[in-house]
Amino acid sequence: MIIRWTYAFADRPAERLPEARAFWTAVTGTHASEPRGEQGEFMTLLPPQAAGTDACVKLQGVTEGDGGAHLDLCTEDVRKLTGTARELGAEPVADHGDWAVLRSPAGQLFCAVPWHGESVRPPVVAGSRLDQVCLDIPPSAYAAESAFWAGLTGWQRLTGSRPEFEVLKPPAGLPVRILLQRLDAERPASAHLDLACADIATVRARHEKHGAVPLSSGPHWTVMRDPAGGIYCLTGRDPHTGGLPDATERTTVA
């Protein structure tokens, strides 16, 4: 297995990073690490030490655009992972020596980073778990992009609850799934975070208490905006397994 751990990044405008930090630590039951990076742009959301678990969510302050989300893929061999990604169609963006930034065929940024032995995902907090990065893909790029992520991860590929969704389900123990969403209209690829919620209404009320605003709702999801302006979703999935209660995800033939 090339990918040994995953981090979901909430990317937010640098000037609003304090708001993002306050909100995301509150709703995930974590505390933020000391800032890292040349501009103090990186923070890790750390579970309580007593939980005996490893982090899987980070924040990044960005200086261009409104932010969004991206994945860090942790591996014992960064060069091997970046080489595989490039063979599958990714483009290199920045080489930092022991880690690298790449761009998927549809234009989504992601990082290949060293694995530091993380192995135990954080617990469910107040009926929810941040466990999914949704890649929002324009129709013209969907086939190539979904094939890229399936090939890069080697994860189980499942059809979703609606025709526009596919899920890449990681091996047991890895903390973050990938949801592939085919958009209705052409626009640049982007990404957002999803939380699995035992009860969306209860989790939504808790998030609103910490400053989030609901924007719209679907059959089993609610779109929210956090206090730093980032869009994310509360989804009606089992926070322990990540699956839908009615088990509508099923294996698809690649």
C-alpha atoms as a PDB file:
ATOM      1  CA  MET A   1       0.000   0.000   0.000  1.00  0.00           C
ATOM      2  CA  ILE A   2       1.633   3.236  -1.159  1.00  0.00           C
ATOM      3  CA  ILE A   3      -0.691   5.567   0.790  1.00  0.00           C
ATOM      4  CA  ARG A   4      -0.276   4.997   4.524  1.00  0.00           C
ATOM      5  CA  TRP A   5      -2.314   7.927   5.913  1.00  0.00           C
ATOM      6  CA  THR A   6      -4.327  10.905   4.684  1.00  0.00           C
ATOM      7  CA  TYR A   7      -4.931  14.466   5.827  1.00  0.00           C
ATOM      8  CA  ALA A   8      -7.915  16.599   4.856  1.00  0.00           C
ATOM      9  CA  PHE A   9      -6.928  20.256   4.561  1.00  0.00           C
ATOM     10  CA  ALA A  10      -9.301  23.174   5.053  1.00  0.00           C
ATOM     11  CA  ASP A  11      -7.763  25.958   2.964  1.00  0.00           C
ATOM     12  CA  ARG A  12      -8.932  29.407   4.044  1.00  0.00           C
ATOM     13  CA  PRO A  13      -7.804  32.998   3.320  1.00  0.00           C
ATOM     14  CA  ALA A  14      -4.764  33.739   5.470  1.00  0.00           C
ATOM     15  CA  GLU A  15      -6.380  36.750   7.112  1.00  0.00           C
ATOM     16  CA  ARG A  16      -9.283  34.556   8.258  1.00  0.00           C
ATOM     17  CA  LEU A  17      -7.189  31.706   9.607  1.00  0.00           C
ATOM     18  CA  PRO A  18      -7.939  32.658  13.260  1.00  0.00           C
ATOM     19  CA  GLU A  19     -11.674  32.290  12.572  1.00  0.00           C
ATOM     20  CA  ALA A  20     -11.110  28.948  10.838  1.00  0.00           C
ATOM     21  CA  ARG A  21      -8.975  27.757  13.743  1.00  0.00           C
ATOM     22  CA  ALA A  22     -11.572  28.673  16.363  1.00  0.00           C
ATOM     23  CA  PHE A  23     -14.417  27.040  14.451  1.00  0.00           C
ATOM     24  CA  TRP A  24     -12.790  23.812  13.296  1.00  0.00           C
ATOM     25  CA  THR A  25     -11.153  23.044  16.619  1.00  0.00           C
ATOM     26  CA  ALA A  26     -14.498  23.561  18.353  1.00  0.00           C
ATOM     27  CA  VAL A  27     -16.547  21.295  16.087  1.00  0.00           C
ATOM     28  CA  THR A  28     -13.930  18.531  15.837  1.00  0.00           C
ATOM     29  CA  GLY A  29     -12.989  18.463  19.524  1.00  0.00           C
ATOM     30  CA  THR A  30      -9.328  19.206  18.774  1.00  0.00           C
ATOM     31  CA  HIS A  31      -6.737  21.856  19.547  1.00  0.00           C
ATOM     32  CA  ALA A  32      -4.468  23.542  17.036  1.00  0.00           C
ATOM     33  CA  SER A  33      -0.755  22.953  16.834  1.00  0.00           C
ATOM     34  CA  GLU A  34       1.683  25.840  16.777  1.00  0.00           C
ATOM     35  CA  PRO A  35       1.682  27.475  13.329  1.00  0.00           C
ATOM     36  CA  ARG A  36       4.259  26.233  10.834  1.00  0.00           C
ATOM     37  CA  GLY A  37       5.554  27.440   7.508  1.00  0.00           C
ATOM     38  CA  GLU A  38       7.258  30.613   6.349  1.00  0.00           C
ATOM     39  CA  GLN A  39       4.123  32.651   6.981  1.00  0.00           C
ATOM     40  CA  GLY A  40       2.722  30.542   9.800  1.00  0.00           C
ATOM     41  CA  GLU A  41       0.206  29.238   7.292  1.00  0.00           C
ATOM     42  CA  PHE A  42      -0.077  25.606   8.449  1.00  0.00           C
ATOM     43  CA  MET A  43      -1.752  24.184  11.539  1.00  0.00           C
ATOM     44  CA  THR A  44      -2.651  20.627  12.527  1.00  0.00           C
ATOM     45  CA  LEU A  45      -5.849  19.893  14.453  1.00  0.00           C
ATOM     46  CA  LEU A  46      -4.659  17.640  17.257  1.00  0.00           C
ATOM     47  CA  PRO A  47      -6.966  15.201  19.081  1.00  0.00           C
ATOM     48  CA  PRO A  48      -6.703  15.100  22.882  1.00  0.00           C
ATOM     49  CA  GLN A  49      -3.614  13.163  23.950  1.00  0.00           C
ATOM     50  CA  ALA A  50      -5.767  10.970  26.180  1.00  0.00           C
ATOM     51  CA  ALA A  51      -7.606   9.701  23.094  1.00  0.00           C
ATOM     52  CA  GLY A  52      -4.460   7.972  21.847  1.00  0.00           C
ATOM     53  CA  THR A  53      -5.290   8.828  18.243  1.00  0.00           C
ATOM     54  CA  ASP A  54      -3.578  10.615  15.359  1.00  0.00           C
ATOM     55  CA  ALA A  55      -4.524  13.834  13.606  1.00  0.00           C
ATOM     56  CA  CYS A  56      -6.047  13.757  10.126  1.00  0.00           C
ATOM     57  CA  VAL A  57      -7.215  17.355   9.595  1.00  0.00           C
ATOM     58  CA  LYS A  58      -5.104  20.448   8.969  1.00  0.00           C
ATOM     59  CA  LEU A  59      -5.642  24.124   8.194  1.00  0.00           C
ATOM     60  CA  GLN A  60      -3.816  26.224   5.638  1.00  0.00           C
ATOM     61  CA  GLY A  61      -3.926  29.973   5.174  1.00  0.00           C
ATOM     62  CA  VAL A  62      -3.853  30.845   1.458  1.00  0.00           C
ATOM     63  CA  THR A  63      -3.012  34.202  -0.084  1.00  0.00           C
ATOM     64  CA  GLU A  64      -4.949  33.758  -3.331  1.00  0.00           C
ATOM     65  CA  GLY A  65      -8.617  32.926  -3.786  1.00  0.00           C
ATOM     66  CA  ASP A  66     -11.220  31.892  -1.266  1.00  0.00           C
ATOM     67  CA  GLY A  67      -9.605  28.578  -0.390  1.00  0.00           C
ATOM     68  CA  GLY A  68     -11.395  25.244  -0.418  1.00  0.00           C
ATOM     69  CA  ALA A  69      -9.884  21.898   0.482  1.00  0.00           C
ATOM     70  CA  HIS A  70      -7.174  19.514  -0.585  1.00  0.00           C
ATOM     71  CA  LEU A  71      -5.652  16.167   0.331  1.00  0.00           C
ATOM     72  CA  ASP A  72      -2.244  15.297   1.687  1.00  0.00           C
ATOM     73  CA  LEU A  73      -1.332  11.707   0.838  1.00  0.00           C
ATOM     74  CA  CYS A  74       1.220  10.255   3.279  1.00  0.00           C
ATOM     75  CA  THR A  75       3.657   7.655   2.060  1.00  0.00           C
ATOM     76  CA  GLU A  76       6.934   5.984   2.937  1.00  0.00           C
ATOM     77  CA  ASP A  77       8.269   6.822  -0.531  1.00  0.00           C
ATOM     78  CA  VAL A  78       7.322  10.314  -1.717  1.00  0.00           C
ATOM     79  CA  ARG A  79       9.284   9.930  -4.960  1.00  0.00           C
ATOM     80  CA  LYS A  80       7.450   6.736  -5.833  1.00  0.00           C
ATOM     81  CA  LEU A  81       4.057   8.296  -5.168  1.00  0.00           C
ATOM     82  CA  THR A  82       4.836  11.437  -7.158  1.00  0.00           C
ATOM     83  CA  GLY A  83       6.185   9.313  -9.996  1.00  0.00           C
ATOM     84  CA  THR A  84       3.001   7.247 -10.059  1.00  0.00           C
ATOM     85  CA  ALA A  85       0.883  10.409  -9.989  1.00  0.00           C
ATOM     86  CA  ARG A  86       2.771  11.873 -12.944  1.00  0.00           C
ATOM     87  CA  GLU A  87       2.448   8.641 -14.920  1.00  0.00           C
ATOM     88  CA  LEU A  88      -1.312   8.856 -14.375  1.00  0.00           C
ATOM     89  CA  GLY A  89      -1.488  12.447 -15.615  1.00  0.00           C
ATOM     90  CA  ALA A  90      -0.676  14.737 -12.676  1.00  0.00           C
ATOM     91  CA  GLU A  91       1.564  17.766 -13.158  1.00  0.00           C
ATOM     92  CA  PRO A  92       4.242  18.827 -10.667  1.00  0.00           C
ATOM     93  CA  VAL A  93       3.686  22.229  -9.057  1.00  0.00           C
ATOM     94  CA  ALA A  94       6.383  22.513  -6.380  1.00  0.00           C
ATOM     95  CA  ASP A  95       9.141  20.218  -5.113  1.00  0.00           C
ATOM     96  CA  HIS A  96      10.074  20.856  -1.482  1.00  0.00           C
ATOM     97  CA  GLY A  97      12.554  18.016  -1.194  1.00  0.00           C
ATOM     98  CA  ASP A  98      10.829  15.595   1.143  1.00  0.00           C
ATOM     99  CA  TRP A  99       7.331  16.597  -0.005  1.00  0.00           C
ATOM    100  CA  ALA A 100       5.744  17.782  -3.230  1.00  0.00           C
ATOM    101  CA  VAL A 101       2.719  19.642  -4.540  1.00  0.00           C
ATOM    102  CA  LEU A 102       0.985  18.268  -7.639  1.00  0.00           C
ATOM    103  CA  ARG A 103      -2.036  19.072  -9.766  1.00  0.00           C
ATOM    104  CA  SER A 104      -4.500  16.415 -10.901  1.00  0.00           C
ATOM    105  CA  PRO A 105      -5.587  16.182 -14.566  1.00  0.00           C
ATOM    106  CA  ALA A 106      -8.660  18.324 -13.790  1.00  0.00           C
ATOM    107  CA  GLY A 107      -6.588  20.898 -11.904  1.00  0.00           C
ATOM    108  CA  GLN A 108      -7.075  19.922  -8.243  1.00  0.00           C
ATOM    109  CA  LEU A 109      -4.021  20.495  -6.062  1.00  0.00           C
ATOM    110  CA  PHE A 110      -2.830  17.787  -3.659  1.00  0.00           C
ATOM    111  CA  CYS A 111       0.368  16.936  -1.801  1.00  0.00           C
ATOM    112  CA  ALA A 112       2.578  13.882  -1.428  1.00  0.00           C
ATOM    113  CA  VAL A 113       4.153  13.946   2.039  1.00  0.00           C
ATOM    114  CA  PRO A 114       6.150  11.612   4.299  1.00  0.00           C
ATOM    115  CA  TRP A 115       4.311   9.190   6.559  1.00  0.00           C
ATOM    116  CA  HIS A 116       5.287   9.612  10.208  1.00  0.00           C
ATOM    117  CA  GLY A 117       3.665   6.472  11.586  1.00  0.00           C
ATOM    118  CA  GLU A 118       0.093   7.746  11.972  1.00  0.00           C
ATOM    119  CA  SER A 119      -2.235   4.787  12.349  1.00  0.00           C
ATOM    120  CA  VAL A 120      -5.227   5.476  14.630  1.00  0.00           C
ATOM    121  CA  ARG A 121      -7.941   7.804  13.396  1.00  0.00           C
ATOM    122  CA  PRO A 122      -9.596  10.300  15.757  1.00  0.00           C
ATOM    123  CA  PRO A 123     -12.880   9.394  17.473  1.00  0.00           C
ATOM    124  CA  VAL A 124     -16.380  10.504  16.604  1.00  0.00           C
ATOM    125  CA  VAL A 125     -17.084  13.848  18.309  1.00  0.00           C
ATOM    126  CA  ALA A 126     -20.634  14.879  19.259  1.00  0.00           C
ATOM    127  CA  GLY A 127     -22.154  12.543  16.661  1.00  0.00           C
ATOM    128  CA  SER A 128     -19.968  13.558  13.721  1.00  0.00           C
ATOM    129  CA  ARG A 129     -16.589  12.955  12.127  1.00  0.00           C
ATOM    130  CA  LEU A 130     -14.770  14.919   9.426  1.00  0.00           C
ATOM    131  CA  ASP A 131     -13.951  11.992   7.174  1.00  0.00           C
ATOM    132  CA  GLN A 132     -14.317  12.944   3.518  1.00  0.00           C
ATOM    133  CA  VAL A 133     -12.919  15.269   0.874  1.00  0.00           C
ATOM    134  CA  CYS A 134     -15.342  15.847  -1.988  1.00  0.00           C
ATOM    135  CA  LEU A 135     -13.764  16.618  -5.353  1.00  0.00           C
ATOM    136  CA  ASP A 136     -16.126  18.736  -7.461  1.00  0.00           C
ATOM    137  CA  ILE A 137     -15.317  17.899 -11.065  1.00  0.00           C
ATOM    138  CA  PRO A 138     -16.623  19.490 -14.308  1.00  0.00           C
ATOM    139  CA  PRO A 139     -18.447  17.065 -16.621  1.00  0.00           C
ATOM    140  CA  SER A 140     -15.841  17.213 -19.395  1.00  0.00           C
ATOM    141  CA  ALA A 141     -13.064  16.145 -17.014  1.00  0.00           C
ATOM    142  CA  TYR A 142     -14.959  13.661 -14.873  1.00  0.00           C
ATOM    143  CA  ALA A 143     -14.033  10.383 -16.571  1.00  0.00           C
ATOM    144  CA  ALA A 144     -10.309  11.136 -16.633  1.00  0.00           C
ATOM    145  CA  GLU A 145     -10.279  12.630 -13.133  1.00  0.00           C
ATOM    146  CA  SER A 146     -12.138   9.763 -11.492  1.00  0.00           C
ATOM    147  CA  ALA A 147      -9.851   7.266 -13.236  1.00  0.00           C
ATOM    148  CA  PHE A 148      -6.816   9.236 -12.019  1.00  0.00           C
ATOM    149  CA  TRP A 149      -7.808   9.168  -8.344  1.00  0.00           C
ATOM    150  CA  ALA A 150      -8.869   5.529  -8.497  1.00  0.00           C
ATOM    151  CA  GLY A 151      -5.562   4.586 -10.090  1.00  0.00           C
ATOM    152  CA  LEU A 152      -3.454   6.688  -7.732  1.00  0.00           C
ATOM    153  CA  THR A 153      -5.050   5.430  -4.523  1.00  0.00           C
ATOM    154  CA  GLY A 154      -5.946   1.884  -5.535  1.00  0.00           C
ATOM    155  CA  TRP A 155      -8.945   2.208  -3.202  1.00  0.00           C
ATOM    156  CA  GLN A 156     -12.264   0.436  -3.610  1.00  0.00           C
ATOM    157  CA  ARG A 157     -14.424   2.314  -6.098  1.00  0.00           C
ATOM    158  CA  LEU A 158     -18.111   2.517  -5.228  1.00  0.00           C
ATOM    159  CA  THR A 159     -21.119   4.063  -6.890  1.00  0.00           C
ATOM    160  CA  GLY A 160     -22.874   6.617  -4.735  1.00  0.00           C
ATOM    161  CA  SER A 161     -26.452   7.294  -3.787  1.00  0.00           C
ATOM    162  CA  ARG A 162     -26.975   9.448  -6.899  1.00  0.00           C
ATOM    163  CA  PRO A 163     -25.674   9.151 -10.477  1.00  0.00           C
ATOM    164  CA  GLU A 164     -23.284  12.080 -10.061  1.00  0.00           C
ATOM    165  CA  PHE A 165     -21.400  10.511  -7.138  1.00  0.00           C
ATOM    166  CA  GLU A 166     -18.682   7.903  -6.798  1.00  0.00           C
ATOM    167  CA  VAL A 167     -16.781   7.039  -3.624  1.00  0.00           C
ATOM    168  CA  LEU A 168     -13.191   5.925  -3.221  1.00  0.00           C
ATOM    169  CA  LYS A 169     -13.208   3.939   0.002  1.00  0.00           C
ATOM    170  CA  PRO A 170      -9.798   3.529   1.643  1.00  0.00           C
ATOM    171  CA  PRO A 171      -8.585   0.419   3.448  1.00  0.00           C
ATOM    172  CA  ALA A 172      -9.762   0.018   7.027  1.00  0.00           C
ATOM    173  CA  GLY A 173      -8.016   2.392   9.398  1.00  0.00           C
ATOM    174  CA  LEU A 174      -7.316   5.231   6.984  1.00  0.00           C
ATOM    175  CA  PRO A 175      -9.237   8.317   8.109  1.00  0.00           C
ATOM    176  CA  VAL A 176     -10.360  10.163   4.964  1.00  0.00           C
ATOM    177  CA  ARG A 177     -12.450   8.977   2.025  1.00  0.00           C
ATOM    178  CA  ILE A 178     -12.716  10.649  -1.380  1.00  0.00           C
ATOM    179  CA  LEU A 179     -16.084  11.532  -2.887  1.00  0.00           C
ATOM    180  CA  LEU A 180     -16.053  12.228  -6.627  1.00  0.00           C
ATOM    181  CA  GLN A 181     -18.875  14.568  -7.662  1.00  0.00           C
ATOM    182  CA  ARG A 182     -19.672  15.251 -11.309  1.00  0.00           C
ATOM    183  CA  LEU A 183     -20.897  18.833 -11.560  1.00  0.00           C
ATOM    184  CA  ASP A 184     -23.857  19.873 -13.696  1.00  0.00           C
ATOM    185  CA  ALA A 185     -21.969  22.697 -15.415  1.00  0.00           C
ATOM    186  CA  GLU A 186     -18.455  23.440 -16.588  1.00  0.00           C
ATOM    187  CA  ARG A 187     -16.298  25.299 -14.057  1.00  0.00           C
ATOM    188  CA  PRO A 188     -12.841  24.792 -12.588  1.00  0.00           C
ATOM    189  CA  ALA A 189     -12.358  21.739 -10.375  1.00  0.00           C
ATOM    190  CA  SER A 190     -12.478  22.397  -6.653  1.00  0.00           C
ATOM    191  CA  ALA A 191     -12.893  20.523  -3.377  1.00  0.00           C
ATOM    192  CA  HIS A 192     -14.705  20.798  -0.062  1.00  0.00           C
ATOM    193  CA  LEU A 193     -14.867  18.937   3.248  1.00  0.00           C
ATOM    194  CA  ASP A 194     -17.680  16.608   4.344  1.00  0.00           C
ATOM    195  CA  LEU A 195     -18.608  15.446   7.822  1.00  0.00           C
ATOM    196  CA  ALA A 196     -20.457  12.191   8.476  1.00  0.00           C
ATOM    197  CA  CYS A 197     -23.308  12.905  10.898  1.00  0.00           C
ATOM    198  CA  ALA A 198     -25.469  10.560  12.927  1.00  0.00           C
ATOM    199  CA  ASP A 199     -28.139  13.281  12.933  1.00  0.00           C
ATOM    200  CA  ILE A 200     -27.680  16.249  10.601  1.00  0.00           C
ATOM    201  CA  ALA A 201     -30.097  18.539  12.450  1.00  0.00           C
ATOM    202  CA  THR A 202     -28.306  18.077  15.768  1.00  0.00           C
ATOM    203  CA  VAL A 203     -24.862  18.601  14.258  1.00  0.00           C
ATOM    204  CA  ARG A 204     -26.098  21.582  12.265  1.00  0.00           C
ATOM    205  CA  ALA A 205     -27.376  23.268  15.433  1.00  0.00           C
ATOM    206  CA  ARG A 206     -24.002  22.750  17.082  1.00  0.00           C
ATOM    207  CA  HIS A 207     -22.169  24.209  14.098  1.00  0.00           C
ATOM    208  CA  GLU A 208     -24.491  27.201  13.954  1.00  0.00           C
ATOM    209  CA  LYS A 209     -23.740  27.825  17.630  1.00  0.00           C
ATOM    210  CA  HIS A 210     -20.083  28.150  16.645  1.00  0.00           C
ATOM    211  CA  GLY A 211     -20.830  30.574  13.808  1.00  0.00           C
ATOM    212  CA  ALA A 212     -21.548  28.469  10.715  1.00  0.00           C
ATOM    213  CA  VAL A 213     -24.431  29.337   8.389  1.00  0.00           C
ATOM    214  CA  PRO A 214     -26.611  26.829   6.468  1.00  0.00           C
ATOM    215  CA  LEU A 215     -26.875  27.524   2.734  1.00  0.00           C
ATOM    216  CA  SER A 216     -28.953  24.714   1.222  1.00  0.00           C
ATOM    217  CA  SER A 217     -30.087  21.130   1.796  1.00  0.00           C
ATOM    218  CA  GLY A 218     -30.335  17.943  -0.263  1.00  0.00           C
ATOM    219  CA  PRO A 219     -31.793  14.481   0.351  1.00  0.00           C
ATOM    220  CA  HIS A 220     -29.163  13.583   2.937  1.00  0.00           C
ATOM    221  CA  TRP A 221     -26.837  16.572   3.181  1.00  0.00           C
ATOM    222  CA  THR A 222     -26.767  20.219   4.227  1.00  0.00           C
ATOM    223  CA  VAL A 223     -24.376  22.735   2.689  1.00  0.00           C
ATOM    224  CA  MET A 224     -22.787  25.047   5.264  1.00  0.00           C
ATOM    225  CA  ARG A 225     -20.491  28.075   5.291  1.00  0.00           C
ATOM    226  CA  ASP A 226     -17.998  28.305   8.145  1.00  0.00           C
ATOM    227  CA  PRO A 227     -17.076  31.611   9.866  1.00  0.00           C
ATOM    228  CA  ALA A 228     -13.996  31.935   7.632  1.00  0.00           C
ATOM    229  CA  GLY A 229     -16.164  31.764   4.492  1.00  0.00           C
ATOM    230  CA  GLY A 230     -15.407  28.166   3.528  1.00  0.00           C
ATOM    231  CA  ILE A 231     -18.074  25.842   2.146  1.00  0.00           C
ATOM    232  CA  TYR A 232     -18.474  22.336   3.572  1.00  0.00           C
ATOM    233  CA  CYS A 233     -21.232  19.733   3.937  1.00  0.00           C
ATOM    234  CA  LEU A 234     -22.936  17.842   6.729  1.00  0.00           C
ATOM    235  CA  THR A 235     -23.901  14.444   5.338  1.00  0.00           C
ATOM    236  CA  GLY A 236     -26.232  11.790   6.710  1.00  0.00           C
ATOM    237  CA  ARG A 237     -23.719   8.967   6.959  1.00  0.00           C
ATOM    238  CA  ASP A 238     -22.645   6.684   9.764  1.00  0.00           C
ATOM    239  CA  PRO A 239     -19.756   8.563  11.437  1.00  0.00           C
ATOM    240  CA  HIS A 240     -18.155   5.271  12.472  1.00  0.00           C
ATOM    241  CA  THR A 241     -18.174   3.539   9.071  1.00  0.00           C
ATOM    242  CA  GLY A 242     -18.629   6.471   6.683  1.00  0.00           C
ATOM    243  CA  GLY A 243     -21.356   4.617   4.812  1.00  0.00           C
ATOM    244  CA  LEU A 244     -24.934   5.605   4.171  1.00  0.00           C
ATOM    245  CA  PRO A 245     -27.525   4.126   6.540  1.00  0.00           C
ATOM    246  CA  ASP A 246     -29.376   2.418   3.689  1.00  0.00           C
ATOM    247  CA  ALA A 247     -26.147   0.968   2.240  1.00  0.00           C
ATOM    248  CA  THR A 248     -26.753   2.457  -1.215  1.00  0.00           C
ATOM    249  CA  GLU A 249     -23.042   2.569  -1.995  1.00  0.00           C
ATOM    250  CA  ARG A 250     -21.970  -0.463  -3.955  1.00  0.00           C
ATOM    251  CA  THR A 251     -18.939  -1.654  -5.857  1.00  0.00           C
ATOM    252  CA  THR A 252     -18.634  -0.380  -9.393  1.00  0.00           C
ATOM    253  CA  VAL A 253     -16.721  -2.007 -12.212  1.00  0.00           C
ATOM    254  CA  ALA A 254     -13.827   0.259 -13.205  1.00  0.00           C
END
